[in-house]
Amino acid sequence: METTNQPMETPPDNNLVWAILCTVLCCLPLGIVSIIKATKVKELWAMGDTIGAQKAADDAKKYAIWGAAAAAIVWVLYVIFFIVIGVGGAFAGNY
């Protein structure tokens, strides 16, 4: 009988899809960190470090969410900025 060091459970979801989407669509720096964390999940799981693999998966998800939130905040500020400039420009010539 051959024994292996791999756990019999399934590895945690590495959230790589969310990391890639965050990188491409939202926030490049946080997306890259998320991709790096996501790619470490399988490696850590193969070494038998289940806690490290779960932490890397959680970190990948956290950075992807932070990147999406940062992009949403930037877009909202962008829209508000141009609305304020547009309204200010409309009233600028009426004095």
N, C-alpha and C. Protein backbone atom coordinates (compact mmCIF):
# COMPACT_ATOMS: atom_id res chain seq x y z
N MET A 1 0.85 -1.18 0.00
CA MET A 1 0.00 0.00 0.00
C MET A 1 0.89 1.24 0.00
N GLU A 2 0.62 2.12 -0.90
CA GLU A 2 1.41 3.34 -1.03
C GLU A 2 0.71 4.49 -0.31
N THR A 3 1.47 5.25 0.45
CA THR A 3 0.89 6.39 1.16
C THR A 3 1.37 7.68 0.52
N THR A 4 0.52 8.66 0.56
CA THR A 4 0.89 9.97 0.03
C THR A 4 0.66 11.00 1.12
N ASN A 5 1.25 12.15 0.95
CA ASN A 5 1.10 13.23 1.91
C ASN A 5 -0.09 14.12 1.60
N GLN A 6 -0.81 13.84 0.53
CA GLN A 6 -1.92 14.70 0.14
C GLN A 6 -3.14 14.39 1.00
N PRO A 7 -3.83 15.42 1.44
CA PRO A 7 -5.05 15.21 2.21
C PRO A 7 -6.14 14.61 1.32
N MET A 8 -7.05 13.90 1.93
CA MET A 8 -8.12 13.24 1.18
C MET A 8 -9.27 14.20 0.87
N GLU A 9 -9.32 15.34 1.49
CA GLU A 9 -10.38 16.31 1.24
C GLU A 9 -10.15 17.02 -0.09
N THR A 10 -11.13 17.81 -0.48
CA THR A 10 -10.95 18.61 -1.70
C THR A 10 -10.27 19.92 -1.33
N PRO A 11 -9.42 20.44 -2.20
CA PRO A 11 -8.75 21.70 -1.90
C PRO A 11 -9.74 22.86 -1.92
N PRO A 12 -9.42 23.94 -1.23
CA PRO A 12 -10.32 25.10 -1.25
C PRO A 12 -10.32 25.77 -2.62
N ASP A 13 -11.39 26.46 -2.92
CA ASP A 13 -11.50 27.20 -4.17
C ASP A 13 -10.43 28.29 -4.18
N ASN A 14 -9.62 28.33 -5.22
CA ASN A 14 -8.51 29.28 -5.24
C ASN A 14 -8.92 30.68 -5.68
N ASN A 15 -10.15 30.88 -6.15
CA ASN A 15 -10.67 32.19 -6.55
C ASN A 15 -9.86 32.82 -7.68
N LEU A 16 -9.26 32.00 -8.51
CA LEU A 16 -8.42 32.51 -9.60
C LEU A 16 -9.24 33.28 -10.63
N VAL A 17 -10.46 32.82 -10.90
CA VAL A 17 -11.31 33.51 -11.87
C VAL A 17 -11.58 34.94 -11.40
N TRP A 18 -11.93 35.10 -10.12
CA TRP A 18 -12.20 36.44 -9.58
C TRP A 18 -10.94 37.29 -9.60
N ALA A 19 -9.80 36.68 -9.34
CA ALA A 19 -8.53 37.41 -9.37
C ALA A 19 -8.23 37.94 -10.76
N ILE A 20 -8.45 37.10 -11.77
CA ILE A 20 -8.19 37.51 -13.14
C ILE A 20 -9.17 38.60 -13.57
N LEU A 21 -10.45 38.42 -13.23
CA LEU A 21 -11.44 39.44 -13.58
C LEU A 21 -11.12 40.77 -12.91
N CYS A 22 -10.69 40.71 -11.66
CA CYS A 22 -10.31 41.93 -10.95
C CYS A 22 -9.13 42.61 -11.64
N THR A 23 -8.17 41.82 -12.06
CA THR A 23 -6.99 42.38 -12.71
C THR A 23 -7.35 43.03 -14.04
N VAL A 24 -8.15 42.36 -14.83
CA VAL A 24 -8.47 42.84 -16.17
C VAL A 24 -9.48 44.00 -16.14
N LEU A 25 -10.49 43.89 -15.28
CA LEU A 25 -11.59 44.85 -15.33
C LEU A 25 -11.54 45.94 -14.26
N CYS A 26 -10.84 45.71 -13.19
CA CYS A 26 -10.98 46.64 -12.06
C CYS A 26 -9.68 47.32 -11.68
N CYS A 27 -8.89 46.63 -10.92
CA CYS A 27 -7.73 47.26 -10.28
C CYS A 27 -6.50 46.38 -10.47
N LEU A 28 -5.59 46.82 -11.29
CA LEU A 28 -4.42 46.02 -11.65
C LEU A 28 -3.55 45.63 -10.46
N PRO A 29 -3.15 46.54 -9.57
CA PRO A 29 -2.25 46.13 -8.48
C PRO A 29 -2.87 45.09 -7.53
N LEU A 30 -4.09 45.33 -7.10
CA LEU A 30 -4.74 44.38 -6.20
C LEU A 30 -5.08 43.08 -6.92
N GLY A 31 -5.37 43.16 -8.20
CA GLY A 31 -5.64 41.96 -8.98
C GLY A 31 -4.42 41.07 -9.11
N ILE A 32 -3.25 41.68 -9.29
CA ILE A 32 -2.02 40.90 -9.40
C ILE A 32 -1.71 40.20 -8.08
N VAL A 33 -1.89 40.90 -6.97
CA VAL A 33 -1.69 40.28 -5.65
C VAL A 33 -2.66 39.12 -5.49
N SER A 34 -3.89 39.31 -5.92
CA SER A 34 -4.89 38.26 -5.82
C SER A 34 -4.51 37.04 -6.67
N ILE A 35 -3.99 37.27 -7.86
CA ILE A 35 -3.56 36.15 -8.71
C ILE A 35 -2.42 35.39 -8.06
N ILE A 36 -1.47 36.10 -7.49
CA ILE A 36 -0.33 35.44 -6.83
C ILE A 36 -0.81 34.57 -5.67
N LYS A 37 -1.72 35.12 -4.87
CA LYS A 37 -2.27 34.34 -3.75
C LYS A 37 -3.06 33.13 -4.25
N ALA A 38 -3.83 33.31 -5.33
CA ALA A 38 -4.64 32.22 -5.86
C ALA A 38 -3.79 31.08 -6.41
N THR A 39 -2.67 31.41 -7.02
CA THR A 39 -1.82 30.36 -7.59
C THR A 39 -1.06 29.59 -6.52
N LYS A 40 -0.94 30.13 -5.33
CA LYS A 40 -0.26 29.42 -4.25
C LYS A 40 -1.14 28.38 -3.57
N VAL A 41 -2.45 28.46 -3.79
CA VAL A 41 -3.37 27.55 -3.10
C VAL A 41 -3.06 26.09 -3.43
N LYS A 42 -2.97 25.78 -4.71
CA LYS A 42 -2.74 24.39 -5.13
C LYS A 42 -1.39 23.87 -4.65
N GLU A 43 -0.39 24.73 -4.72
CA GLU A 43 0.95 24.35 -4.28
C GLU A 43 0.98 24.03 -2.78
N LEU A 44 0.37 24.90 -2.00
CA LEU A 44 0.32 24.67 -0.55
C LEU A 44 -0.49 23.43 -0.22
N TRP A 45 -1.58 23.21 -0.94
CA TRP A 45 -2.41 22.04 -0.70
C TRP A 45 -1.63 20.76 -1.02
N ALA A 46 -0.87 20.78 -2.11
CA ALA A 46 -0.08 19.61 -2.50
C ALA A 46 1.00 19.29 -1.47
N MET A 47 1.51 20.31 -0.80
CA MET A 47 2.52 20.09 0.23
C MET A 47 1.90 19.63 1.54
N GLY A 48 0.58 19.63 1.62
CA GLY A 48 -0.09 19.20 2.83
C GLY A 48 -0.41 20.32 3.80
N ASP A 49 -0.15 21.54 3.40
CA ASP A 49 -0.41 22.70 4.26
C ASP A 49 -1.84 23.18 4.03
N THR A 50 -2.80 22.52 4.66
CA THR A 50 -4.20 22.85 4.43
C THR A 50 -4.56 24.23 4.99
N ILE A 51 -3.99 24.58 6.12
CA ILE A 51 -4.27 25.89 6.71
C ILE A 51 -3.70 27.00 5.83
N GLY A 52 -2.49 26.81 5.36
CA GLY A 52 -1.88 27.80 4.46
C GLY A 52 -2.63 27.93 3.16
N ALA A 53 -3.12 26.80 2.63
CA ALA A 53 -3.89 26.83 1.38
C ALA A 53 -5.21 27.58 1.58
N GLN A 54 -5.87 27.34 2.71
CA GLN A 54 -7.12 28.05 2.98
C GLN A 54 -6.87 29.54 3.18
N LYS A 55 -5.78 29.89 3.86
CA LYS A 55 -5.46 31.30 4.07
C LYS A 55 -5.14 31.99 2.74
N ALA A 56 -4.40 31.31 1.86
CA ALA A 56 -4.09 31.88 0.54
C ALA A 56 -5.37 32.07 -0.28
N ALA A 57 -6.29 31.11 -0.20
CA ALA A 57 -7.57 31.23 -0.92
C ALA A 57 -8.38 32.40 -0.37
N ASP A 58 -8.42 32.53 0.95
CA ASP A 58 -9.14 33.65 1.55
C ASP A 58 -8.51 34.98 1.19
N ASP A 59 -7.18 35.03 1.18
CA ASP A 59 -6.48 36.27 0.81
C ASP A 59 -6.74 36.63 -0.65
N ALA A 60 -6.75 35.63 -1.53
CA ALA A 60 -7.02 35.89 -2.95
C ALA A 60 -8.41 36.50 -3.11
N LYS A 61 -9.38 35.94 -2.40
CA LYS A 61 -10.74 36.48 -2.47
C LYS A 61 -10.80 37.90 -1.90
N LYS A 62 -10.11 38.10 -0.78
CA LYS A 62 -10.11 39.42 -0.13
C LYS A 62 -9.53 40.49 -1.05
N TYR A 63 -8.40 40.21 -1.68
CA TYR A 63 -7.79 41.20 -2.57
C TYR A 63 -8.63 41.44 -3.82
N ALA A 64 -9.30 40.41 -4.33
CA ALA A 64 -10.17 40.60 -5.48
C ALA A 64 -11.36 41.49 -5.11
N ILE A 65 -11.92 41.28 -3.94
CA ILE A 65 -13.03 42.12 -3.49
C ILE A 65 -12.57 43.55 -3.26
N TRP A 66 -11.42 43.71 -2.64
CA TRP A 66 -10.88 45.06 -2.42
C TRP A 66 -10.64 45.77 -3.75
N GLY A 67 -10.11 45.06 -4.72
CA GLY A 67 -9.87 45.65 -6.04
C GLY A 67 -11.17 46.08 -6.71
N ALA A 68 -12.20 45.23 -6.62
CA ALA A 68 -13.49 45.58 -7.21
C ALA A 68 -14.11 46.77 -6.48
N ALA A 69 -14.00 46.80 -5.16
CA ALA A 69 -14.54 47.93 -4.39
C ALA A 69 -13.79 49.22 -4.72
N ALA A 70 -12.48 49.14 -4.84
CA ALA A 70 -11.69 50.33 -5.18
C ALA A 70 -12.08 50.85 -6.56
N ALA A 71 -12.29 49.96 -7.51
CA ALA A 71 -12.69 50.38 -8.85
C ALA A 71 -14.08 51.02 -8.82
N ALA A 72 -14.98 50.45 -8.03
CA ALA A 72 -16.33 51.03 -7.94
C ALA A 72 -16.28 52.43 -7.33
N ILE A 73 -15.48 52.61 -6.31
CA ILE A 73 -15.34 53.92 -5.66
C ILE A 73 -14.75 54.94 -6.64
N VAL A 74 -13.73 54.53 -7.38
CA VAL A 74 -13.12 55.43 -8.36
C VAL A 74 -14.13 55.82 -9.43
N TRP A 75 -14.92 54.87 -9.92
CA TRP A 75 -15.91 55.19 -10.93
C TRP A 75 -16.98 56.14 -10.40
N VAL A 76 -17.43 55.92 -9.18
CA VAL A 76 -18.43 56.82 -8.59
C VAL A 76 -17.87 58.22 -8.46
N LEU A 77 -16.65 58.34 -7.97
CA LEU A 77 -16.01 59.65 -7.85
C LEU A 77 -15.81 60.30 -9.22
N TYR A 78 -15.49 59.52 -10.21
CA TYR A 78 -15.31 60.01 -11.58
C TYR A 78 -16.62 60.60 -12.11
N VAL A 79 -17.71 59.87 -11.92
CA VAL A 79 -19.01 60.36 -12.38
C VAL A 79 -19.42 61.62 -11.62
N ILE A 80 -19.25 61.61 -10.32
CA ILE A 80 -19.60 62.79 -9.51
C ILE A 80 -18.76 63.99 -9.95
N PHE A 81 -17.48 63.79 -10.19
CA PHE A 81 -16.60 64.85 -10.62
C PHE A 81 -17.10 65.50 -11.91
N PHE A 82 -17.48 64.69 -12.89
CA PHE A 82 -17.93 65.25 -14.15
C PHE A 82 -19.32 65.84 -14.07
N ILE A 83 -20.15 65.35 -13.18
CA ILE A 83 -21.45 65.99 -12.97
C ILE A 83 -21.26 67.37 -12.35
N VAL A 84 -20.36 67.46 -11.37
CA VAL A 84 -20.10 68.76 -10.73
C VAL A 84 -19.49 69.73 -11.73
N ILE A 85 -18.56 69.28 -12.55
CA ILE A 85 -17.97 70.15 -13.57
C ILE A 85 -19.03 70.56 -14.60
N GLY A 86 -19.89 69.61 -14.97
CA GLY A 86 -20.93 69.94 -15.95
C GLY A 86 -21.93 70.95 -15.41
N VAL A 87 -22.35 70.76 -14.19
CA VAL A 87 -23.30 71.71 -13.58
C VAL A 87 -22.60 73.04 -13.34
N GLY A 88 -21.38 73.01 -12.88
CA GLY A 88 -20.64 74.25 -12.66
C GLY A 88 -20.38 75.00 -13.94
N GLY A 89 -20.11 74.27 -15.01
CA GLY A 89 -19.89 74.90 -16.31
C GLY A 89 -21.17 75.50 -16.87
N ALA A 90 -22.31 74.90 -16.57
CA ALA A 90 -23.58 75.41 -17.06
C ALA A 90 -23.94 76.73 -16.38
N PHE A 91 -23.58 76.86 -15.11
CA PHE A 91 -23.89 78.09 -14.37
C PHE A 91 -22.80 79.14 -14.48
N ALA A 92 -21.66 78.81 -15.03
CA ALA A 92 -20.54 79.72 -15.08
C ALA A 92 -20.81 80.95 -15.96
N GLY A 93 -21.55 80.79 -17.02
CA GLY A 93 -21.79 81.92 -17.91
C GLY A 93 -23.03 82.73 -17.58
N ASN A 94 -23.72 82.43 -16.50
CA ASN A 94 -24.98 83.09 -16.17
C ASN A 94 -24.86 84.08 -15.02
N TYR A 95 -23.84 84.85 -14.96
CA TYR A 95 -23.77 85.83 -13.85
C TYR A 95 -23.63 87.22 -14.33
